[in-house]
Every structure is written in C-alpha cells, then in structure tokens.
C-alpha cells in the first residue's frame, strides 16, 4: 500500500447561526470554480483533502461555501493555484538478494 502525504484545508467557521455544513468545489487551474464544479460535502471547517479525493496531480482552484439549513450556499471563499499531488510514485521494481 502506498503512502500519500496529508494535505489539510481549514477555514474560519461561518458566523451565521443556521449553518449545517460546508461544501468544497474544485477545478484544475486555470479553470474558475463555480457552483457547477465538482464538489464534496464537508461536515466541519477542517478536512484532510486526500481523505475525500484521490488521484489528483497538478495545480487546482478551490472554493468553499457555507450551506444553511434550507440548502442555500454562501459566496465562495477561494484559494487559487494550489499544488496537489495525491499520486504515489511507481514501485521501484523487484528486489534482488545476492549471497556472497
């Protein structure tokens, strides 16, 4: 099993009282994040990105919104051009043992 280094994303909580969660939207740079972008539901304001997504390698634009109890979404909190690499290197090959 390969090992991927953890990448944690955190942000301040929304001050609104009716927030039930957050949603993360992501696009490969230079594509702009919109509400039609691929998304992930978040239960808190801190998430280990490689726990919710995999096989990403490159630079990405990330947007986070707060979601209220009726499903309305806030404007985006954005971070641009984030380097993410969740692809492990290839296995080095068979091990050879030589007895002298």
PDB file of N, CA and C in Angstrom:
ATOM      1  N   UNK A   1       0.839  -1.168   0.000  1.00  0.00           N
ATOM      2  CA  UNK A   1       0.000   0.000   0.000  1.00  0.00           C
ATOM      3  C   UNK A   1       0.890   1.238   0.000  1.00  0.00           C
ATOM      4  N   UNK A   2       0.578   2.189  -0.850  1.00  0.00           N
ATOM      5  CA  UNK A   2       1.366   3.414  -0.914  1.00  0.00           C
ATOM      6  C   UNK A   2       0.981   4.371   0.214  1.00  0.00           C
ATOM      7  N   UNK A   3       1.816   5.357   0.431  1.00  0.00           N
ATOM      8  CA  UNK A   3       1.568   6.356   1.464  1.00  0.00           C
ATOM      9  C   UNK A   3       1.531   7.730   0.802  1.00  0.00           C
ATOM     10  N   UNK A   4       0.436   8.459   1.017  1.00  0.00           N
ATOM     11  CA  UNK A   4       0.274   9.801   0.470  1.00  0.00           C
ATOM     12  C   UNK A   4       0.355  10.797   1.621  1.00  0.00           C
ATOM     13  N   UNK A   5       1.151  11.843   1.443  1.00  0.00           N
ATOM     14  CA  UNK A   5       1.289  12.869   2.476  1.00  0.00           C
ATOM     15  C   UNK A   5      -0.032  13.625   2.628  1.00  0.00           C
ATOM     16  N   UNK A   6      -0.474  13.809   3.868  1.00  0.00           N
ATOM     17  CA  UNK A   6      -1.729  14.510   4.136  1.00  0.00           C
ATOM     18  C   UNK A   6      -1.639  15.991   3.784  1.00  0.00           C
ATOM     19  N   UNK A   7      -2.708  16.506   3.195  1.00  0.00           N
ATOM     20  CA  UNK A   7      -2.862  17.929   2.929  1.00  0.00           C
ATOM     21  C   UNK A   7      -4.159  18.356   3.612  1.00  0.00           C
ATOM     22  N   UNK A   8      -4.040  19.237   4.606  1.00  0.00           N
ATOM     23  CA  UNK A   8      -5.200  19.670   5.381  1.00  0.00           C
ATOM     24  C   UNK A   8      -5.637  21.062   4.950  1.00  0.00           C
ATOM     25  N   UNK A   9      -6.936  21.209   4.738  1.00  0.00           N
ATOM     26  CA  UNK A   9      -7.538  22.501   4.417  1.00  0.00           C
ATOM     27  C   UNK A   9      -8.378  22.921   5.617  1.00  0.00           C
ATOM     28  N   UNK A  10      -8.195  24.146   6.080  1.00  0.00           N
ATOM     29  CA  UNK A  10      -9.034  24.652   7.169  1.00  0.00           C
ATOM     30  C   UNK A  10      -9.409  26.096   6.872  1.00  0.00           C
ATOM     31  N   UNK A  11     -10.532  26.511   7.438  1.00  0.00           N
ATOM     32  CA  UNK A  11     -11.042  27.861   7.206  1.00  0.00           C
ATOM     33  C   UNK A  11     -11.893  28.259   8.405  1.00  0.00           C
ATOM     34  N   UNK A  12     -12.083  29.577   8.622  1.00  0.00           N
ATOM     35  CA  UNK A  12     -12.921  30.018   9.742  1.00  0.00           C
ATOM     36  C   UNK A  12     -14.374  29.583   9.537  1.00  0.00           C
ATOM     37  N   UNK A  13     -15.067  29.287  10.630  1.00  0.00           N
ATOM     38  CA  UNK A  13     -16.480  28.916  10.530  1.00  0.00           C
ATOM     39  C   UNK A  13     -17.306  30.134  10.156  1.00  0.00           C
ATOM     40  N   UNK A  14     -18.440  29.893   9.527  1.00  0.00           N
ATOM     41  CA  UNK A  14     -19.364  30.972   9.185  1.00  0.00           C
ATOM     42  C   UNK A  14     -20.025  31.480  10.462  1.00  0.00           C
ATOM     43  N   UNK A  15     -20.187  32.799  10.597  1.00  0.00           N
ATOM     44  CA  UNK A  15     -20.853  33.338  11.775  1.00  0.00           C
ATOM     45  C   UNK A  15     -22.376  33.159  11.756  1.00  0.00           C
ATOM     46  N   UNK A  16     -22.942  32.727  10.643  1.00  0.00           N
ATOM     47  CA  UNK A  16     -24.388  32.525  10.560  1.00  0.00           C
ATOM     48  C   UNK A  16     -24.816  31.380  11.473  1.00  0.00           C
ATOM     49  N   UNK A  17     -25.979  31.532  12.101  1.00  0.00           N
ATOM     50  CA  UNK A  17     -26.437  30.539  13.069  1.00  0.00           C
ATOM     51  C   UNK A  17     -27.114  29.325  12.441  1.00  0.00           C
ATOM     52  N   UNK A  18     -27.532  29.416  11.182  1.00  0.00           N
ATOM     53  CA  UNK A  18     -28.279  28.318  10.563  1.00  0.00           C
ATOM     54  C   UNK A  18     -27.430  27.448   9.644  1.00  0.00           C
ATOM     55  N   UNK A  19     -26.113  27.442   9.837  1.00  0.00           N
ATOM     56  CA  UNK A  19     -25.208  26.660   9.001  1.00  0.00           C
ATOM     57  C   UNK A  19     -25.264  25.189   9.408  1.00  0.00           C
ATOM     58  N   UNK A  20     -25.435  24.308   8.410  1.00  0.00           N
ATOM     59  CA  UNK A  20     -25.471  22.864   8.679  1.00  0.00           C
ATOM     60  C   UNK A  20     -24.248  22.145   8.116  1.00  0.00           C
ATOM     61  N   UNK A  21     -23.424  22.863   7.358  1.00  0.00           N
ATOM     62  CA  UNK A  21     -22.230  22.255   6.789  1.00  0.00           C
ATOM     63  C   UNK A  21     -21.570  23.175   5.793  1.00  0.00           C
ATOM     64  N   UNK A  22     -20.614  22.616   5.092  1.00  0.00           N
ATOM     65  CA  UNK A  22     -19.846  23.356   4.096  1.00  0.00           C
ATOM     66  C   UNK A  22     -19.714  22.484   2.862  1.00  0.00           C
ATOM     67  N   UNK A  23     -19.367  23.108   1.749  1.00  0.00           N
ATOM     68  CA  UNK A  23     -19.158  22.367   0.511  1.00  0.00           C
ATOM     69  C   UNK A  23     -17.880  22.897  -0.131  1.00  0.00           C
ATOM     70  N   UNK A  24     -17.042  21.985  -0.580  1.00  0.00           N
ATOM     71  CA  UNK A  24     -15.801  22.325  -1.263  1.00  0.00           C
ATOM     72  C   UNK A  24     -15.990  22.084  -2.750  1.00  0.00           C
ATOM     73  N   UNK A  25     -15.652  23.070  -3.561  1.00  0.00           N
ATOM     74  CA  UNK A  25     -15.683  22.952  -5.019  1.00  0.00           C
ATOM     75  C   UNK A  25     -14.245  23.013  -5.515  1.00  0.00           C
ATOM     76  N   UNK A  26     -13.933  22.265  -6.582  1.00  0.00           N
ATOM     77  CA  UNK A  26     -12.549  22.219  -7.068  1.00  0.00           C
ATOM     78  C   UNK A  26     -12.522  22.153  -8.589  1.00  0.00           C
ATOM     79  N   UNK A  27     -11.541  22.828  -9.169  1.00  0.00           N
ATOM     80  CA  UNK A  27     -11.276  22.785 -10.608  1.00  0.00           C
ATOM     81  C   UNK A  27      -9.772  22.831 -10.821  1.00  0.00           C
ATOM     82  N   UNK A  28      -9.318  22.184 -11.879  1.00  0.00           N
ATOM     83  CA  UNK A  28      -7.899  22.265 -12.228  1.00  0.00           C
ATOM     84  C   UNK A  28      -7.603  23.663 -12.758  1.00  0.00           C
ATOM     85  N   UNK A  29      -6.495  24.268 -12.291  1.00  0.00           N
ATOM     86  CA  UNK A  29      -6.106  25.595 -12.775  1.00  0.00           C
ATOM     87  C   UNK A  29      -5.861  25.532 -14.281  1.00  0.00           C
ATOM     88  N   UNK A  30      -6.264  26.511 -15.037  1.00  0.00           N
ATOM     89  CA  UNK A  30      -6.777  27.831 -14.666  1.00  0.00           C
ATOM     90  C   UNK A  30      -8.309  27.932 -14.681  1.00  0.00           C
ATOM     91  N   UNK A  31      -9.030  26.818 -14.663  1.00  0.00           N
ATOM     92  CA  UNK A  31     -10.494  26.861 -14.713  1.00  0.00           C
ATOM     93  C   UNK A  31     -11.036  27.490 -13.425  1.00  0.00           C
ATOM     94  N   UNK A  32     -11.994  28.397 -13.576  1.00  0.00           N
ATOM     95  CA  UNK A  32     -12.585  29.107 -12.444  1.00  0.00           C
ATOM     96  C   UNK A  32     -13.606  28.209 -11.737  1.00  0.00           C
ATOM     97  N   UNK A  33     -13.586  28.225 -10.411  1.00  0.00           N
ATOM     98  CA  UNK A  33     -14.536  27.455  -9.608  1.00  0.00           C
ATOM     99  C   UNK A  33     -15.914  28.115  -9.680  1.00  0.00           C
ATOM    100  N   UNK A  34     -16.938  27.300  -9.940  1.00  0.00           N
ATOM    101  CA  UNK A  34     -18.326  27.764  -9.939  1.00  0.00           C
ATOM    102  C   UNK A  34     -19.170  26.754  -9.155  1.00  0.00           C
ATOM    103  N   UNK A  35     -20.453  27.059  -9.003  1.00  0.00           N
ATOM    104  CA  UNK A  35     -21.352  26.125  -8.321  1.00  0.00           C
ATOM    105  C   UNK A  35     -21.637  24.880  -9.166  1.00  0.00           C
ATOM    106  N   UNK A  36     -21.149  24.847 -10.411  1.00  0.00           N
ATOM    107  CA  UNK A  36     -21.281  23.666 -11.263  1.00  0.00           C
ATOM    108  C   UNK A  36     -20.016  22.800 -11.238  1.00  0.00           C
ATOM    109  N   UNK A  37     -18.992  23.232 -10.520  1.00  0.00           N
ATOM    110  CA  UNK A  37     -17.730  22.487 -10.429  1.00  0.00           C
ATOM    111  C   UNK A  37     -17.934  21.216  -9.604  1.00  0.00           C
ATOM    112  N   UNK A  38     -17.038  20.233  -9.765  1.00  0.00           N
ATOM    113  CA  UNK A  38     -17.089  19.048  -8.898  1.00  0.00           C
ATOM    114  C   UNK A  38     -17.043  19.482  -7.428  1.00  0.00           C
ATOM    115  N   UNK A  39     -17.829  18.811  -6.569  1.00  0.00           N
ATOM    116  CA  UNK A  39     -17.919  19.268  -5.178  1.00  0.00           C
ATOM    117  C   UNK A  39     -17.894  18.103  -4.192  1.00  0.00           C
ATOM    118  N   UNK A  40     -17.590  18.445  -2.947  1.00  0.00           N
ATOM    119  CA  UNK A  40     -17.538  17.495  -1.840  1.00  0.00           C
ATOM    120  C   UNK A  40     -18.223  18.141  -0.641  1.00  0.00           C
ATOM    121  N   UNK A  41     -19.107  17.414   0.019  1.00  0.00           N
ATOM    122  CA  UNK A  41     -19.754  17.895   1.238  1.00  0.00           C
ATOM    123  C   UNK A  41     -18.785  17.766   2.402  1.00  0.00           C
ATOM    124  N   UNK A  42     -18.711  18.811   3.224  1.00  0.00           N
ATOM    125  CA  UNK A  42     -17.831  18.828   4.393  1.00  0.00           C
ATOM    126  C   UNK A  42     -18.674  18.982   5.646  1.00  0.00           C
ATOM    127  N   UNK A  43     -18.317  18.273   6.687  1.00  0.00           N
ATOM    128  CA  UNK A  43     -19.053  18.369   7.947  1.00  0.00           C
ATOM    129  C   UNK A  43     -18.451  19.398   8.893  1.00  0.00           C
ATOM    130  N   UNK A  44     -17.206  19.782   8.653  1.00  0.00           N
ATOM    131  CA  UNK A  44     -16.553  20.748   9.543  1.00  0.00           C
ATOM    132  C   UNK A  44     -15.686  21.686   8.726  1.00  0.00           C
ATOM    133  N   UNK A  45     -15.028  22.601   9.416  1.00  0.00           N
ATOM    134  CA  UNK A  45     -14.185  23.589   8.741  1.00  0.00           C
ATOM    135  C   UNK A  45     -12.732  23.138   8.597  1.00  0.00           C
ATOM    136  N   UNK A  46     -12.468  21.885   8.881  1.00  0.00           N
ATOM    137  CA  UNK A  46     -11.135  21.307   8.665  1.00  0.00           C
ATOM    138  C   UNK A  46     -11.306  19.951   8.000  1.00  0.00           C
ATOM    139  N   UNK A  47     -10.541  19.724   6.931  1.00  0.00           N
ATOM    140  CA  UNK A  47     -10.646  18.458   6.206  1.00  0.00           C
ATOM    141  C   UNK A  47      -9.269  18.079   5.659  1.00  0.00           C
ATOM    142  N   UNK A  48      -8.963  16.787   5.720  1.00  0.00           N
ATOM    143  CA  UNK A  48      -7.764  16.260   5.062  1.00  0.00           C
ATOM    144  C   UNK A  48      -8.178  15.958   3.627  1.00  0.00           C
ATOM    145  N   UNK A  49      -7.637  16.729   2.690  1.00  0.00           N
ATOM    146  CA  UNK A  49      -8.093  16.640   1.300  1.00  0.00           C
ATOM    147  C   UNK A  49      -7.926  15.254   0.700  1.00  0.00           C
ATOM    148  N   UNK A  50      -6.817  14.574   0.987  1.00  0.00           N
ATOM    149  CA  UNK A  50      -6.619  13.257   0.384  1.00  0.00           C
ATOM    150  C   UNK A  50      -7.514  12.195   1.008  1.00  0.00           C
ATOM    151  N   UNK A  51      -8.267  12.523   2.074  1.00  0.00           N
ATOM    152  CA  UNK A  51      -9.274  11.600   2.602  1.00  0.00           C
ATOM    153  C   UNK A  51     -10.560  11.639   1.779  1.00  0.00           C
ATOM    154  N   UNK A  52     -10.807  12.764   1.087  1.00  0.00           N
ATOM    155  CA  UNK A  52     -12.057  12.885   0.322  1.00  0.00           C
ATOM    156  C   UNK A  52     -11.852  12.845  -1.185  1.00  0.00           C
ATOM    157  N   UNK A  53     -10.634  12.991  -1.635  1.00  0.00           N
ATOM    158  CA  UNK A  53     -10.361  12.943  -3.076  1.00  0.00           C
ATOM    159  C   UNK A  53      -9.045  12.221  -3.309  1.00  0.00           C
ATOM    160  N   UNK A  54      -8.870  11.662  -4.498  1.00  0.00           N
ATOM    161  CA  UNK A  54      -7.632  10.937  -4.803  1.00  0.00           C
ATOM    162  C   UNK A  54      -7.256  11.133  -6.260  1.00  0.00           C
ATOM    163  N   UNK A  55      -6.079  10.667  -6.604  1.00  0.00           N
ATOM    164  CA  UNK A  55      -5.575  10.689  -7.982  1.00  0.00           C
ATOM    165  C   UNK A  55      -5.450  12.087  -8.574  1.00  0.00           C
ATOM    166  N   UNK A  56      -5.275  13.114  -7.730  1.00  0.00           N
ATOM    167  CA  UNK A  56      -5.057  14.463  -8.230  1.00  0.00           C
ATOM    168  C   UNK A  56      -3.571  14.739  -8.291  1.00  0.00           C
ATOM    169  N   UNK A  57      -3.156  15.378  -9.372  1.00  0.00           N
ATOM    170  CA  UNK A  57      -1.763  15.781  -9.520  1.00  0.00           C
ATOM    171  C   UNK A  57      -1.741  17.010 -10.411  1.00  0.00           C
ATOM    172  N   UNK A  58      -1.409  18.144  -9.826  1.00  0.00           N
ATOM    173  CA  UNK A  58      -1.368  19.398 -10.577  1.00  0.00           C
ATOM    174  C   UNK A  58      -1.740  20.555  -9.682  1.00  0.00           C
ATOM    175  N   UNK A  59      -2.081  21.685 -10.304  1.00  0.00           N
ATOM    176  CA  UNK A  59      -2.490  22.866  -9.557  1.00  0.00           C
ATOM    177  C   UNK A  59      -4.001  23.031  -9.685  1.00  0.00           C
ATOM    178  N   UNK A  60      -4.637  23.383  -8.564  1.00  0.00           N
ATOM    179  CA  UNK A  60      -6.090  23.419  -8.515  1.00  0.00           C
ATOM    180  C   UNK A  60      -6.595  24.699  -7.863  1.00  0.00           C
ATOM    181  N   UNK A  61      -7.781  25.132  -8.303  1.00  0.00           N
ATOM    182  CA  UNK A  61      -8.501  26.231  -7.672  1.00  0.00           C
ATOM    183  C   UNK A  61      -9.561  25.609  -6.780  1.00  0.00           C
ATOM    184  N   UNK A  62      -9.641  26.081  -5.534  1.00  0.00           N
ATOM    185  CA  UNK A  62     -10.554  25.522  -4.549  1.00  0.00           C
ATOM    186  C   UNK A  62     -11.455  26.630  -4.015  1.00  0.00           C
ATOM    187  N   UNK A  63     -12.740  26.333  -3.921  1.00  0.00           N
ATOM    188  CA  UNK A  63     -13.696  27.257  -3.332  1.00  0.00           C
ATOM    189  C   UNK A  63     -14.501  26.544  -2.260  1.00  0.00           C
ATOM    190  N   UNK A  64     -14.758  27.230  -1.159  1.00  0.00           N
ATOM    191  CA  UNK A  64     -15.559  26.673  -0.073  1.00  0.00           C
ATOM    192  C   UNK A  64     -16.742  27.596   0.169  1.00  0.00           C
ATOM    193  N   UNK A  65     -17.924  26.995   0.372  1.00  0.00           N
ATOM    194  CA  UNK A  65     -19.126  27.752   0.705  1.00  0.00           C
ATOM    195  C   UNK A  65     -19.732  27.192   1.982  1.00  0.00           C
ATOM    196  N   UNK A  66     -20.463  28.033   2.701  1.00  0.00           N
ATOM    197  CA  UNK A  66     -21.261  27.589   3.839  1.00  0.00           C
ATOM    198  C   UNK A  66     -22.644  27.230   3.312  1.00  0.00           C
ATOM    199  N   UNK A  67     -23.254  26.192   3.891  1.00  0.00           N
ATOM    200  CA  UNK A  67     -24.583  25.736   3.481  1.00  0.00           C
ATOM    201  C   UNK A  67     -25.517  25.863   4.682  1.00  0.00           C
ATOM    202  N   UNK A  68     -26.679  26.529   4.463  1.00  0.00           N
ATOM    203  CA  UNK A  68     -27.622  26.685   5.577  1.00  0.00           C
ATOM    204  C   UNK A  68     -28.648  25.564   5.608  1.00  0.00           C
ATOM    205  N   UNK A  69     -29.544  25.623   6.585  1.00  0.00           N
ATOM    206  CA  UNK A  69     -30.487  24.534   6.827  1.00  0.00           C
ATOM    207  C   UNK A  69     -31.542  24.333   5.744  1.00  0.00           C
ATOM    208  N   UNK A  70     -31.648  25.253   4.790  1.00  0.00           N
ATOM    209  CA  UNK A  70     -32.566  25.034   3.663  1.00  0.00           C
ATOM    210  C   UNK A  70     -31.817  24.788   2.353  1.00  0.00           C
ATOM    211  N   UNK A  71     -30.472  24.703   2.418  1.00  0.00           N
ATOM    212  CA  UNK A  71     -29.678  24.383   1.242  1.00  0.00           C
ATOM    213  C   UNK A  71     -29.100  25.566   0.496  1.00  0.00           C
ATOM    214  N   UNK A  72     -29.308  26.789   0.993  1.00  0.00           N
ATOM    215  CA  UNK A  72     -28.691  27.960   0.371  1.00  0.00           C
ATOM    216  C   UNK A  72     -27.188  27.916   0.592  1.00  0.00           C
ATOM    217  N   UNK A  73     -26.441  28.419  -0.406  1.00  0.00           N
ATOM    218  CA  UNK A  73     -24.983  28.438  -0.313  1.00  0.00           C
ATOM    219  C   UNK A  73     -24.465  29.870  -0.332  1.00  0.00           C
ATOM    220  N   UNK A  74     -23.459  30.127   0.487  1.00  0.00           N
ATOM    221  CA  UNK A  74     -22.829  31.447   0.554  1.00  0.00           C
ATOM    222  C   UNK A  74     -21.999  31.706  -0.699  1.00  0.00           C
ATOM    223  N   UNK A  75     -21.427  32.911  -0.774  1.00  0.00           N
ATOM    224  CA  UNK A  75     -20.417  33.189  -1.781  1.00  0.00           C
ATOM    225  C   UNK A  75     -19.189  32.329  -1.474  1.00  0.00           C
ATOM    226  N   UNK A  76     -18.283  32.234  -2.436  1.00  0.00           N
ATOM    227  CA  UNK A  76     -17.083  31.416  -2.286  1.00  0.00           C
ATOM    228  C   UNK A  76     -16.010  32.096  -1.455  1.00  0.00           C
ATOM    229  N   UNK A  77     -15.347  31.309  -0.639  1.00  0.00           N
ATOM    230  CA  UNK A  77     -14.049  31.643  -0.090  1.00  0.00           C
ATOM    231  C   UNK A  77     -13.080  30.885  -0.990  1.00  0.00           C
ATOM    232  N   UNK A  78     -12.190  31.593  -1.665  1.00  0.00           N
ATOM    233  CA  UNK A  78     -11.382  30.980  -2.726  1.00  0.00           C
ATOM    234  C   UNK A  78      -9.904  30.961  -2.394  1.00  0.00           C
ATOM    235  N   UNK A  79      -9.257  29.927  -2.871  1.00  0.00           N
ATOM    236  CA  UNK A  79      -7.799  29.855  -2.887  1.00  0.00           C
ATOM    237  C   UNK A  79      -7.428  29.336  -4.273  1.00  0.00           C
ATOM    238  N   UNK A  80      -6.428  29.966  -4.882  1.00  0.00           N
ATOM    239  CA  UNK A  80      -6.099  29.658  -6.278  1.00  0.00           C
ATOM    240  C   UNK A  80      -4.740  29.001  -6.424  1.00  0.00           C
ATOM    241  N   UNK A  81      -4.653  28.176  -7.444  1.00  0.00           N
ATOM    242  CA  UNK A  81      -3.394  27.584  -7.888  1.00  0.00           C
ATOM    243  C   UNK A  81      -2.694  26.787  -6.782  1.00  0.00           C
ATOM    244  N   UNK A  82      -3.463  25.933  -6.099  1.00  0.00           N
ATOM    245  CA  UNK A  82      -2.934  25.111  -5.021  1.00  0.00           C
ATOM    246  C   UNK A  82      -2.294  23.855  -5.610  1.00  0.00           C
ATOM    247  N   UNK A  83      -1.001  23.608  -5.345  1.00  0.00           N
ATOM    248  CA  UNK A  83      -0.381  22.383  -5.847  1.00  0.00           C
ATOM    249  C   UNK A  83      -0.817  21.173  -5.011  1.00  0.00           C
ATOM    250  N   UNK A  84      -1.394  20.183  -5.670  1.00  0.00           N
ATOM    251  CA  UNK A  84      -1.810  18.940  -5.007  1.00  0.00           C
ATOM    252  C   UNK A  84      -1.229  17.760  -5.756  1.00  0.00           C
ATOM    253  N   UNK A  85      -0.716  16.796  -5.025  1.00  0.00           N
ATOM    254  CA  UNK A  85      -0.168  15.588  -5.636  1.00  0.00           C
ATOM    255  C   UNK A  85      -0.538  14.405  -4.759  1.00  0.00           C
ATOM    256  N   UNK A  86      -1.607  13.702  -5.163  1.00  0.00           N
ATOM    257  CA  UNK A  86      -2.074  12.523  -4.438  1.00  0.00           C
ATOM    258  C   UNK A  86      -1.816  11.251  -5.239  1.00  0.00           C
ATOM    259  N   UNK A  87      -0.785  11.284  -6.089  1.00  0.00           N
ATOM    260  CA  UNK A  87      -0.429  10.125  -6.908  1.00  0.00           C
ATOM    261  C   UNK A  87       0.942   9.627  -6.446  1.00  0.00           C
ATOM    262  N   UNK A  88       1.016   8.408  -5.924  1.00  0.00           N
ATOM    263  CA  UNK A  88       2.304   7.902  -5.452  1.00  0.00           C
ATOM    264  C   UNK A  88       3.223   7.559  -6.622  1.00  0.00           C
ATOM    265  N   UNK A  89       4.534   7.528  -6.369  1.00  0.00           N
ATOM    266  CA  UNK A  89       5.467   7.128  -7.420  1.00  0.00           C
ATOM    267  C   UNK A  89       5.323   5.639  -7.735  1.00  0.00           C
ATOM    268  N   UNK A  90       5.864   5.241  -8.862  1.00  0.00           N
ATOM    269  CA  UNK A  90       5.853   3.831  -9.268  1.00  0.00           C
ATOM    270  C   UNK A  90       6.734   3.011  -8.324  1.00  0.00           C
ATOM    271  N   UNK A  91       6.395   1.767  -8.180  1.00  0.00           N
ATOM    272  CA  UNK A  91       7.188   0.828  -7.374  1.00  0.00           C
ATOM    273  C   UNK A  91       8.573   0.712  -7.997  1.00  0.00           C
ATOM    274  N   UNK A  92       9.643   0.655  -7.170  1.00  0.00           N
ATOM    275  CA  UNK A  92      10.991   0.621  -7.727  1.00  0.00           C
ATOM    276  C   UNK A  92      11.351  -0.659  -8.474  1.00  0.00           C
ATOM    277  N   UNK A  93      10.627  -1.730  -8.328  1.00  0.00           N
ATOM    278  CA  UNK A  93      10.950  -2.966  -9.049  1.00  0.00           C
ATOM    279  C   UNK A  93      11.273  -4.092  -8.088  1.00  0.00           C
ATOM    280  N   UNK A  94      11.570  -5.269  -8.647  1.00  0.00           N
ATOM    281  CA  UNK A  94      11.868  -6.441  -7.828  1.00  0.00           C
ATOM    282  C   UNK A  94      13.186  -6.270  -7.079  1.00  0.00           C
ATOM    283  N   UNK A  95      13.187  -6.793  -5.883  1.00  0.00           N
ATOM    284  CA  UNK A  95      14.388  -6.764  -5.057  1.00  0.00           C
ATOM    285  C   UNK A  95      15.192  -8.019  -5.345  1.00  0.00           C
ATOM    286  N   UNK A  96      16.483  -7.842  -5.539  1.00  0.00           N
ATOM    287  CA  UNK A  96      17.359  -8.971  -5.782  1.00  0.00           C
ATOM    288  C   UNK A  96      18.316  -9.112  -4.580  1.00  0.00           C
ATOM    289  N   UNK A  97      18.409 -10.327  -4.068  1.00  0.00           N
ATOM    290  CA  UNK A  97      19.331 -10.585  -2.961  1.00  0.00           C
ATOM    291  C   UNK A  97      20.422 -11.518  -3.489  1.00  0.00           C
ATOM    292  N   UNK A  98      21.662 -11.114  -3.302  1.00  0.00           N
ATOM    293  CA  UNK A  98      22.796 -11.920  -3.747  1.00  0.00           C
ATOM    294  C   UNK A  98      23.597 -12.347  -2.535  1.00  0.00           C
ATOM    295  N   UNK A  99      23.833 -13.662  -2.424  1.00  0.00           N
ATOM    296  CA  UNK A  99      24.647 -14.157  -1.312  1.00  0.00           C
ATOM    297  C   UNK A  99      26.073 -14.312  -1.817  1.00  0.00           C
ATOM    298  N   UNK A 100      26.990 -13.842  -1.012  1.00  0.00           N
ATOM    299  CA  UNK A 100      28.411 -13.926  -1.396  1.00  0.00           C
ATOM    300  C   UNK A 100      29.091 -15.058  -0.671  1.00  0.00           C
TER     301      UNK A 100
END
